[in-house]
């Protein structure tokens, strides 16, 4: 069947072809790997935990006893029905075993194999993609284009709609891992239980930590070189007893994103194009500020800012000076670097 892509993935998972013997589901988004594996299993066996119909193995078990795969695939369910053999954490060490199995399958069980982030040249991928009776399904993080649909459909299943700004905010806060996204959306649905519509305030209450929003305000002020705004933002952070080390780490993440985007711009990418490639994406409410910063910073000064932040985290933990003072000094120095880009 080779690699299954696009719209064919959902069809294969919910209505597996009759000749499908095994499927390899893999990729960097392990939450999505688990979700798709379980969707495929439930197309055959309604209860994932049914011990008579589901054999749950890992790569270590098969590495120690390769014959176990053939035995489990050939086993007959006590009460009838097709069985599933679920193999977790499979890697290239099992490629030869699956090649032998797909050449001469035992029994009629469906083999569902979960793997990690496998390269195109990975031996186990090549085995599944070369077999006529197997499928290979890659799982990558939800893109900025896909996420609104994921959020909308999950909340619709709970009888909830979203305002446009709530949908934008939720999509910007989620997406690195489908499992994490599902759990956060479950929390949001529980929070909005009894309502018909989820608002921006609802999403902020569940997904957007107020301290995080305040910290972002300080980082944008520093990145833009706005000293007065930075002073006010820092005062609010200290009054709220925010963690200086936490702010420094957020600053490192922010300036690393700027550095990545700046490198793309230096290669000829547009600012908007470089921003769209960032993961997680820049929140829409910060996009204008981020674009302004991207256009005023160059790569050498961004490297200086990151070096300063690394030094600041160490100073917060090792000196007698209060962490708030050390952090504020670093951010004001970064703001000074930002102002150099205006000249």
Foldseek 3Di string as FASTA:
>chain_A
DAEDDDPVLVVCQQPNDQLAAEEEEEAAQVQVSVVSLVSNQCSFPVDQPDPQAEAEEEPVVCVVPVCVQQVVQQDARPVGGAHEYEYEADFLVCLVSVLVCLVPPHHRHHYYYYHYHDDPPGSNSVSQRVGPNYYYYYDAWQALVRQLVVLQVLLVVLQEGEDVLLSLQLSLQDIRHVNVSNVLSVVLSVQCPPHNYDYNVSSCVRRNDPLVVLLVQLLLCLLQLPVVSNVVSLVVNVVVVHDLLVSLVVNLVLLVLLLQLLVVVVVPDDSVRSQSPDPSGDRPVCVVSSSSSSQQDHNVLSVVLNVLSVVLSVCCPPDPDHSSVSSSVSSNVSSVSSVVSVD
